Amino acid sequence: LEAGKSVYFPGKWHVWRQEKAARLAMQARFAERQAEDIERLERFVARFRYGTKSRQAQAKLKQIARIEKVRVEAPGAGRRTLGFEFLKPARSGRTVVEAERIDLSAGDKRLLEDAELVLERGEHVALIGPNGSGKTTLLEALVNGRVGRFGHGVELAYFSQHDVELDERGSVLECTMGATGLQRPQAQALLGRFLFSGWDDHEKKVVALSGGERRRLALALIVASGANFLVLDEPTNHLDLESREALEAALEAFPGTVLLVSHDRAVLDAVAERIVAIEDLSLRSYAGGWADYARVRAGEDAPPPPPPKESKPREAKSAPRITRPNELQQVETAIGERETELAELERKLAEDWSDVDTLAAHKAARDDLQTLLGRWEELFEAAQA
């Protein structure tokens, strides 16, 4: 559901991510072309509005109005995403966490037996396993000190998928200032980056926050914590696509150590440099991200790159030229036809801007129109000379 409309994407979650990214790129290109068309038409109007071509200028004004009526908004315009900019952390010792002979259970169910886990400074590691295999239990045991030990200079920040721990005695702003040590202006700026804007949001009691708001506030506190070891359990839950991608980019660039649990394959591929999988009550390490892990598990080698396709020389598109004596008039007629065609195509795109065939037809008609307009200006200048 987006902007009051439902958009259908076939396939699974990661397929939807890829398809949506492609559609957004297409939408951005179309919005850019519309903006260029409006700018070009406005230049024409400014030049000829009060001259001999005032009638054509008025027609261009009507064309601008038609484009504005069906104008496609650039993706992300008017939307706000979370501002993930981690503080540069202090340098920890080489070994960040070391745990041996890990034995964990959930009730009568054995989760891990005699397992071991070692993370070194700067590693970005994803912990994966089936639901109920013990991922969250292991993270909590590490964070609470029940298993393993931290290295020298390790400063930990933990994000839990279940219960976000916040100081609920005061307001959102008071909680932020107390947890981060920031002064009021800096704390307000941080909250603004996480969509807590204005007096009402800042003074809202922490105890009254919704689940999604609590997670956003917890992420804000982690970003400003200065920790050099991030332990994150499903941090992208309840985030929109743009905020997920912002978090991916920030974690990928984070110079400290990351231990991450996520069901989002895009996050795993973007962030993880090593996979630790819970298998047969043990922890097994795989180099690379999710795709590398999946290939190893499938017993397949990395596919070879496809052979380069022979590039065929593109035929230069000949500009539509008219060489008869009344060429200026005929160019004007052709311009009118192209403008009518564009108006109809833009009406269709207003209903479905992702239609590939209509977009291609619109681009071709628009390119022809620009060529014709260039020719018209040449002929008009020659006639005035």
Protein backbone atom coordinates (compact mmCIF):
# COMPACT_ATOMS: atom_id res chain seq x y z
CA LEU A 1 0.00 0.00 0.00
CA GLU A 2 1.51 3.32 -1.11
CA ALA A 3 0.03 6.80 -1.28
CA GLY A 4 -3.51 5.46 -0.87
CA LYS A 5 -3.11 2.88 -3.64
CA SER A 6 -2.33 -0.82 -3.73
CA VAL A 7 0.49 -1.96 -6.02
CA TYR A 8 0.89 -5.63 -6.90
CA PHE A 9 4.35 -7.21 -6.98
CA PRO A 10 4.66 -10.91 -7.88
CA GLY A 11 7.18 -13.08 -6.08
CA LYS A 12 8.78 -13.20 -2.66
CA TRP A 13 10.08 -10.41 -0.45
CA HIS A 14 13.53 -10.05 -2.03
CA VAL A 15 11.96 -10.14 -5.52
CA TRP A 16 9.63 -7.33 -4.45
CA ARG A 17 12.62 -5.30 -3.24
CA GLN A 18 14.33 -5.63 -6.62
CA GLU A 19 11.16 -4.98 -8.63
CA LYS A 20 10.24 -1.94 -6.56
CA ALA A 21 13.73 -0.49 -6.94
CA ALA A 22 13.44 -0.87 -10.73
CA ARG A 23 10.02 0.78 -10.78
CA LEU A 24 11.22 3.65 -8.62
CA ALA A 25 14.15 4.23 -10.96
CA MET A 26 11.76 4.26 -13.91
CA GLN A 27 9.45 6.67 -12.11
CA ALA A 28 12.37 8.97 -11.32
CA ARG A 29 13.43 9.06 -14.97
CA PHE A 30 9.91 9.86 -16.13
CA ALA A 31 9.50 12.61 -13.50
CA GLU A 32 12.81 14.12 -14.64
CA ARG A 33 11.71 14.10 -18.28
CA GLN A 34 8.44 15.82 -17.38
CA ALA A 35 10.36 18.52 -15.50
CA GLU A 36 12.60 19.05 -18.53
CA ASP A 37 9.56 19.33 -20.81
CA ILE A 38 7.97 21.95 -18.57
CA GLU A 39 11.21 23.93 -18.41
CA ARG A 40 11.56 23.85 -22.21
CA LEU A 41 7.95 24.97 -22.75
CA GLU A 42 8.33 27.76 -20.21
CA ARG A 43 11.39 29.04 -22.09
CA PHE A 44 9.35 29.10 -25.30
CA VAL A 45 6.52 31.02 -23.60
CA ALA A 46 8.92 33.55 -22.09
CA ARG A 47 10.50 34.15 -25.48
CA PHE A 48 7.42 34.42 -27.72
CA ARG A 49 4.50 35.30 -25.44
CA TYR A 50 4.22 38.90 -26.66
CA GLY A 51 5.65 38.54 -30.17
CA THR A 52 4.45 37.22 -33.45
CA LYS A 53 4.16 33.74 -31.99
CA SER A 54 1.87 34.66 -29.09
CA ARG A 55 -0.78 32.17 -30.26
CA GLN A 56 1.74 29.33 -30.13
CA ALA A 57 2.92 30.56 -26.72
CA GLN A 58 -0.64 30.35 -25.38
CA ALA A 59 -0.85 26.80 -26.73
CA LYS A 60 2.36 25.97 -24.88
CA LEU A 61 0.84 27.32 -21.65
CA LYS A 62 -2.07 24.92 -22.12
CA GLN A 63 0.40 22.11 -22.72
CA ILE A 64 2.22 22.98 -19.49
CA ALA A 65 -1.11 22.82 -17.67
CA ARG A 66 -1.81 19.38 -19.16
CA ILE A 67 1.57 18.05 -18.05
CA GLU A 68 1.14 19.50 -14.56
CA LYS A 69 -2.24 17.80 -14.31
CA VAL A 70 -0.76 14.34 -14.86
CA ARG A 71 2.68 15.06 -13.45
CA VAL A 72 4.38 12.12 -11.78
CA GLU A 73 6.00 12.86 -8.44
CA ALA A 74 9.62 11.84 -8.11
CA PRO A 75 9.95 8.86 -5.75
CA GLY A 76 10.64 9.95 -2.22
CA ALA A 77 9.42 13.51 -2.79
CA GLY A 78 7.60 14.69 0.29
CA ARG A 79 8.62 11.56 2.20
CA ARG A 80 11.01 11.37 5.09
CA THR A 81 13.34 8.51 5.89
CA LEU A 82 15.28 7.75 9.02
CA GLY A 83 18.69 9.40 9.30
CA PHE A 84 21.21 6.70 10.12
CA GLU A 85 24.59 8.34 10.66
CA PHE A 86 26.53 6.42 13.30
CA LEU A 87 29.08 8.24 15.41
CA LYS A 88 32.64 7.15 14.75
CA PRO A 89 33.34 4.62 17.51
CA ALA A 90 36.44 4.23 19.63
CA ARG A 91 38.80 1.43 18.62
CA SER A 92 38.38 -1.82 20.54
CA GLY A 93 40.84 -4.63 21.07
CA ARG A 94 41.36 -7.13 18.27
CA THR A 95 39.07 -9.77 19.79
CA VAL A 96 35.61 -8.31 20.38
CA VAL A 97 33.86 -11.36 21.79
CA GLU A 98 35.01 -14.90 22.45
CA ALA A 99 32.69 -17.67 23.60
CA GLU A 100 33.57 -21.35 24.00
CA ARG A 101 31.58 -24.41 25.04
CA ILE A 102 28.26 -22.66 24.57
CA ASP A 103 25.36 -24.76 25.89
CA LEU A 104 21.91 -23.22 25.56
CA SER A 105 18.40 -24.56 25.99
CA ALA A 106 14.86 -23.24 25.81
CA GLY A 107 12.88 -25.29 28.29
CA ASP A 108 13.47 -28.93 27.38
CA LYS A 109 14.70 -28.06 23.88
CA ARG A 110 18.44 -28.12 23.30
CA LEU A 111 19.59 -25.21 21.12
CA LEU A 112 23.40 -25.31 21.22
CA GLU A 113 25.87 -27.86 22.54
CA ASP A 114 29.58 -27.17 23.00
CA ALA A 115 29.47 -24.42 20.35
CA GLU A 116 31.95 -21.59 20.00
CA LEU A 117 31.87 -18.08 18.56
CA VAL A 118 34.68 -15.56 18.02
CA LEU A 119 34.26 -12.09 16.52
CA GLU A 120 37.18 -9.83 15.70
CA ARG A 121 37.32 -6.05 15.44
CA GLY A 122 35.54 -4.65 12.40
CA GLU A 123 33.78 -7.87 11.41
CA HIS A 124 30.20 -7.67 10.16
CA VAL A 125 28.63 -11.03 10.97
CA ALA A 126 25.09 -12.29 10.38
CA LEU A 127 23.69 -15.00 12.65
CA ILE A 128 21.16 -17.16 10.80
CA GLY A 129 19.11 -20.25 11.47
CA PRO A 130 15.54 -21.55 11.32
CA ASN A 131 12.88 -20.01 13.52
CA GLY A 132 13.25 -21.36 17.03
CA SER A 133 16.86 -22.42 16.51
CA GLY A 134 18.16 -20.07 19.22
CA LYS A 135 19.37 -16.93 17.46
CA THR A 136 17.74 -14.46 19.86
CA THR A 137 18.57 -16.67 22.85
CA LEU A 138 22.25 -16.62 21.88
CA LEU A 139 22.29 -12.84 21.41
CA GLU A 140 20.68 -12.31 24.82
CA ALA A 141 23.13 -14.71 26.47
CA LEU A 142 26.07 -12.83 24.95
CA VAL A 143 24.71 -9.41 25.90
CA ASN A 144 23.85 -10.49 29.45
CA GLY A 145 27.27 -12.09 29.98
CA ARG A 146 25.93 -15.61 30.48
CA VAL A 147 28.23 -16.91 27.78
CA GLY A 148 31.53 -15.63 26.44
CA ARG A 149 33.56 -12.57 27.32
CA PHE A 150 34.16 -9.23 25.67
CA GLY A 151 37.56 -7.96 24.62
CA HIS A 152 39.37 -4.82 25.71
CA GLY A 153 37.62 -1.51 25.04
CA VAL A 154 34.39 -3.05 23.72
CA GLU A 155 31.38 -0.75 24.04
CA LEU A 156 28.16 -2.62 23.33
CA ALA A 157 24.81 -1.41 21.99
CA TYR A 158 21.99 -3.98 21.79
CA PHE A 159 18.76 -3.74 19.82
CA SER A 160 16.18 -6.37 20.78
CA GLN A 161 13.30 -7.41 18.55
CA HIS A 162 11.12 -8.22 21.56
CA ASP A 163 11.40 -5.63 24.31
CA VAL A 164 13.16 -2.35 23.66
CA GLU A 165 14.59 -1.10 26.95
CA LEU A 166 13.94 2.62 27.40
CA ASP A 167 13.78 4.94 30.37
CA GLU A 168 10.02 5.37 30.65
CA ARG A 169 10.03 7.90 33.49
CA GLY A 170 9.94 10.99 31.29
CA SER A 171 9.46 12.37 27.80
CA VAL A 172 11.04 11.28 24.52
CA LEU A 173 13.40 14.26 24.66
CA GLU A 174 14.37 13.62 28.29
CA CYS A 175 15.01 9.95 27.52
CA THR A 176 17.22 10.90 24.57
CA MET A 177 19.24 13.47 26.50
CA GLY A 178 19.71 11.10 29.42
CA ALA A 179 20.78 8.13 27.30
CA THR A 180 23.13 9.99 24.97
CA GLY A 181 24.44 12.92 27.01
CA LEU A 182 23.44 15.28 24.18
CA GLN A 183 22.34 18.83 24.88
CA ARG A 184 18.78 19.83 23.99
CA PRO A 185 19.48 21.19 20.45
CA GLN A 186 21.55 18.15 19.45
CA ALA A 187 19.00 15.76 20.97
CA GLN A 188 16.18 17.51 19.12
CA ALA A 189 18.11 17.26 15.85
CA LEU A 190 18.69 13.53 16.42
CA LEU A 191 15.01 12.96 17.13
CA GLY A 192 14.07 14.88 13.99
CA ARG A 193 16.18 12.48 11.91
CA PHE A 194 14.08 9.65 13.33
CA LEU A 195 10.74 11.33 12.57
CA PHE A 196 10.09 12.74 16.04
CA SER A 197 9.40 16.34 15.02
CA GLY A 198 8.13 19.27 17.01
CA TRP A 199 7.10 19.91 20.57
CA ASP A 200 4.33 17.30 20.72
CA ASP A 201 6.61 14.45 19.63
CA HIS A 202 9.49 15.53 21.85
CA GLU A 203 7.34 15.94 24.95
CA LYS A 204 5.37 12.75 24.45
CA LYS A 205 5.78 10.35 27.34
CA VAL A 206 7.92 7.32 26.52
CA VAL A 207 5.41 5.04 28.21
CA ALA A 208 2.76 6.21 25.71
CA LEU A 209 4.78 5.36 22.58
CA SER A 210 3.56 2.74 20.13
CA GLY A 211 5.69 -0.29 19.33
CA GLY A 212 6.98 1.25 16.11
CA GLU A 213 7.80 4.53 17.85
CA ARG A 214 9.70 2.71 20.59
CA ARG A 215 11.81 0.91 17.98
CA ARG A 216 12.56 4.18 16.17
CA LEU A 217 13.61 5.82 19.43
CA ALA A 218 15.79 2.83 20.34
CA LEU A 219 17.50 2.99 16.94
CA ALA A 220 18.12 6.71 17.43
CA LEU A 221 19.80 6.05 20.79
CA ILE A 222 22.00 3.32 19.27
CA VAL A 223 23.05 5.63 16.43
CA ALA A 224 24.14 8.27 18.94
CA SER A 225 25.66 5.84 21.44
CA GLY A 226 29.18 5.77 20.01
CA ALA A 227 29.27 2.00 20.61
CA ASN A 228 31.86 0.01 18.67
CA PHE A 229 29.97 -3.31 18.85
CA LEU A 230 26.38 -3.38 17.58
CA VAL A 231 24.22 -6.41 18.35
CA LEU A 232 21.03 -6.06 16.32
CA ASP A 233 18.06 -8.44 16.41
CA GLU A 234 15.72 -7.80 13.44
CA PRO A 235 16.43 -4.03 13.29
CA THR A 236 14.51 -3.52 10.02
CA ASN A 237 11.13 -4.68 11.34
CA HIS A 238 8.49 -1.94 10.93
CA LEU A 239 10.77 0.18 8.71
CA ASP A 240 9.69 1.28 5.24
CA LEU A 241 11.81 0.42 2.20
CA GLU A 242 13.71 3.71 2.10
CA SER A 243 14.56 3.55 5.81
CA ARG A 244 15.67 -0.08 5.46
CA GLU A 245 18.02 0.89 2.67
CA ALA A 246 19.33 3.84 4.70
CA LEU A 247 20.07 1.46 7.59
CA GLU A 248 21.75 -1.01 5.20
CA ALA A 249 24.06 1.70 3.88
CA ALA A 250 24.91 2.97 7.37
CA LEU A 251 25.69 -0.51 8.70
CA GLU A 252 27.74 -1.35 5.63
CA ALA A 253 29.87 1.76 6.25
CA PHE A 254 30.04 1.27 10.04
CA PRO A 255 33.72 0.84 11.01
CA GLY A 256 33.01 -1.09 14.20
CA THR A 257 31.81 -4.65 14.74
CA VAL A 258 28.29 -5.84 13.91
CA LEU A 259 26.46 -9.02 14.93
CA LEU A 260 23.14 -9.07 13.12
CA VAL A 261 20.02 -11.24 13.02
CA SER A 262 17.62 -10.51 10.17
CA HIS A 263 15.18 -12.29 7.88
CA ASP A 264 15.76 -9.60 5.24
CA ARG A 265 18.05 -11.14 2.62
CA ALA A 266 18.88 -7.75 1.15
CA VAL A 267 20.18 -6.61 4.55
CA LEU A 268 22.19 -9.81 4.98
CA ASP A 269 23.81 -9.42 1.56
CA ALA A 270 24.52 -5.71 2.05
CA VAL A 271 25.92 -5.89 5.58
CA ALA A 272 27.31 -9.37 6.27
CA GLU A 273 30.90 -10.27 5.44
CA ARG A 274 30.56 -13.59 7.24
CA ILE A 275 27.63 -15.86 8.03
CA VAL A 276 27.40 -17.86 11.25
CA ALA A 277 24.70 -20.51 10.92
CA ILE A 278 23.09 -22.53 13.67
CA GLU A 279 23.32 -26.10 12.36
CA ASP A 280 23.01 -29.37 14.27
CA LEU A 281 23.25 -27.66 17.68
CA SER A 282 26.50 -25.99 16.64
CA LEU A 283 27.72 -22.76 15.04
CA ARG A 284 29.25 -23.02 11.58
CA SER A 285 31.00 -20.12 9.85
CA TYR A 286 30.73 -19.26 6.13
CA ALA A 287 32.69 -16.52 4.39
CA GLY A 288 30.65 -13.96 2.48
CA GLY A 289 27.05 -12.82 2.53
CA TRP A 290 23.73 -14.60 2.14
CA ALA A 291 24.16 -15.39 -1.56
CA ASP A 292 27.57 -17.00 -0.91
CA TYR A 293 26.11 -19.03 1.95
CA ALA A 294 23.18 -20.20 -0.19
CA ARG A 295 25.54 -21.34 -2.97
CA VAL A 296 27.70 -23.30 -0.55
CA ARG A 297 24.66 -24.95 1.02
CA ALA A 298 23.37 -25.86 -2.41
CA GLY A 299 26.75 -27.38 -3.29
CA GLU A 300 27.21 -25.01 -6.18
CA ASP A 301 30.22 -22.98 -7.15
CA ALA A 302 29.79 -19.32 -7.85
CA PRO A 303 28.36 -18.99 -11.36
CA PRO A 304 30.84 -17.72 -13.95
CA PRO A 305 30.18 -14.26 -15.29
CA PRO A 306 28.20 -14.28 -18.54
CA PRO A 307 30.25 -13.74 -21.70
CA PRO A 308 30.16 -10.15 -22.87
CA LYS A 309 27.59 -9.53 -25.53
CA GLU A 310 28.77 -8.24 -28.84
CA SER A 311 27.71 -4.66 -29.01
CA LYS A 312 26.02 -3.77 -32.22
CA PRO A 313 26.64 -0.28 -33.50
CA ARG A 314 23.55 1.78 -32.93
CA GLU A 315 22.18 3.43 -35.96
CA ALA A 316 22.04 7.14 -35.51
CA LYS A 317 18.46 8.27 -35.45
CA SER A 318 17.88 10.64 -38.30
CA ALA A 319 16.20 13.86 -37.35
CA PRO A 320 12.82 14.37 -38.97
CA ARG A 321 13.56 16.98 -41.57
CA ILE A 322 11.17 18.62 -43.99
CA THR A 323 12.67 20.30 -47.00
CA ARG A 324 9.67 21.61 -48.92
CA PRO A 325 9.24 25.40 -49.27
CA ASN A 326 6.54 25.53 -46.59
CA GLU A 327 8.76 23.62 -44.17
CA LEU A 328 8.11 25.96 -41.23
CA GLN A 329 4.36 25.39 -41.44
CA GLN A 330 4.77 21.65 -41.79
CA VAL A 331 7.14 21.52 -38.81
CA GLU A 332 4.52 23.36 -36.76
CA THR A 333 1.91 20.81 -37.84
CA ALA A 334 4.22 17.93 -36.86
CA ILE A 335 4.87 19.60 -33.49
CA GLY A 336 1.14 19.79 -32.85
CA GLU A 337 0.71 16.12 -33.68
CA ARG A 338 3.54 15.11 -31.36
CA GLU A 339 2.14 17.26 -28.54
CA THR A 340 -1.28 15.62 -28.95
CA GLU A 341 0.37 12.20 -28.89
CA LEU A 342 2.34 13.10 -25.76
CA ALA A 343 -0.77 14.38 -24.00
CA GLU A 344 -2.52 11.05 -24.60
CA LEU A 345 0.51 9.06 -23.46
CA GLU A 346 0.82 11.17 -20.31
CA ARG A 347 -2.85 10.57 -19.57
CA LYS A 348 -2.17 6.82 -19.71
CA LEU A 349 0.94 7.15 -17.57
CA ALA A 350 -1.01 9.07 -14.96
CA GLU A 351 -3.03 5.88 -14.49
CA ASP A 352 -0.01 3.54 -14.55
CA TRP A 353 3.43 5.17 -14.79
CA SER A 354 5.14 1.75 -14.62
CA ASP A 355 3.77 0.56 -18.00
CA VAL A 356 6.98 -0.17 -19.90
CA ASP A 357 5.48 0.02 -23.40
CA THR A 358 3.80 3.35 -22.74
CA LEU A 359 6.99 4.74 -21.24
CA ALA A 360 8.95 3.69 -24.32
CA ALA A 361 6.38 5.28 -26.63
CA HIS A 362 6.44 8.45 -24.54
CA LYS A 363 10.23 8.67 -24.74
CA ALA A 364 10.22 8.18 -28.52
CA ALA A 365 7.53 10.82 -29.04
CA ARG A 366 9.28 13.23 -26.70
CA ASP A 367 12.61 12.79 -28.51
CA ASP A 368 10.91 13.47 -31.84
CA LEU A 369 9.23 16.56 -30.41
CA GLN A 370 12.52 17.96 -29.14
CA THR A 371 14.11 17.42 -32.55
CA LEU A 372 11.19 19.12 -34.27
CA LEU A 373 11.29 22.06 -31.86
CA GLY A 374 14.98 22.50 -32.53
CA ARG A 375 14.33 22.51 -36.25
CA TRP A 376 11.45 24.96 -35.82
CA GLU A 377 13.68 27.42 -33.96
CA GLU A 378 16.28 27.20 -36.74
CA LEU A 379 13.66 27.93 -39.39
CA PHE A 380 12.07 30.71 -37.36
CA GLU A 381 15.41 32.43 -36.80
CA ALA A 382 16.18 32.14 -40.52
CA ALA A 383 12.80 33.65 -41.41
CA GLN A 384 13.41 36.60 -39.08
CA ALA A 385 16.87 37.29 -40.53
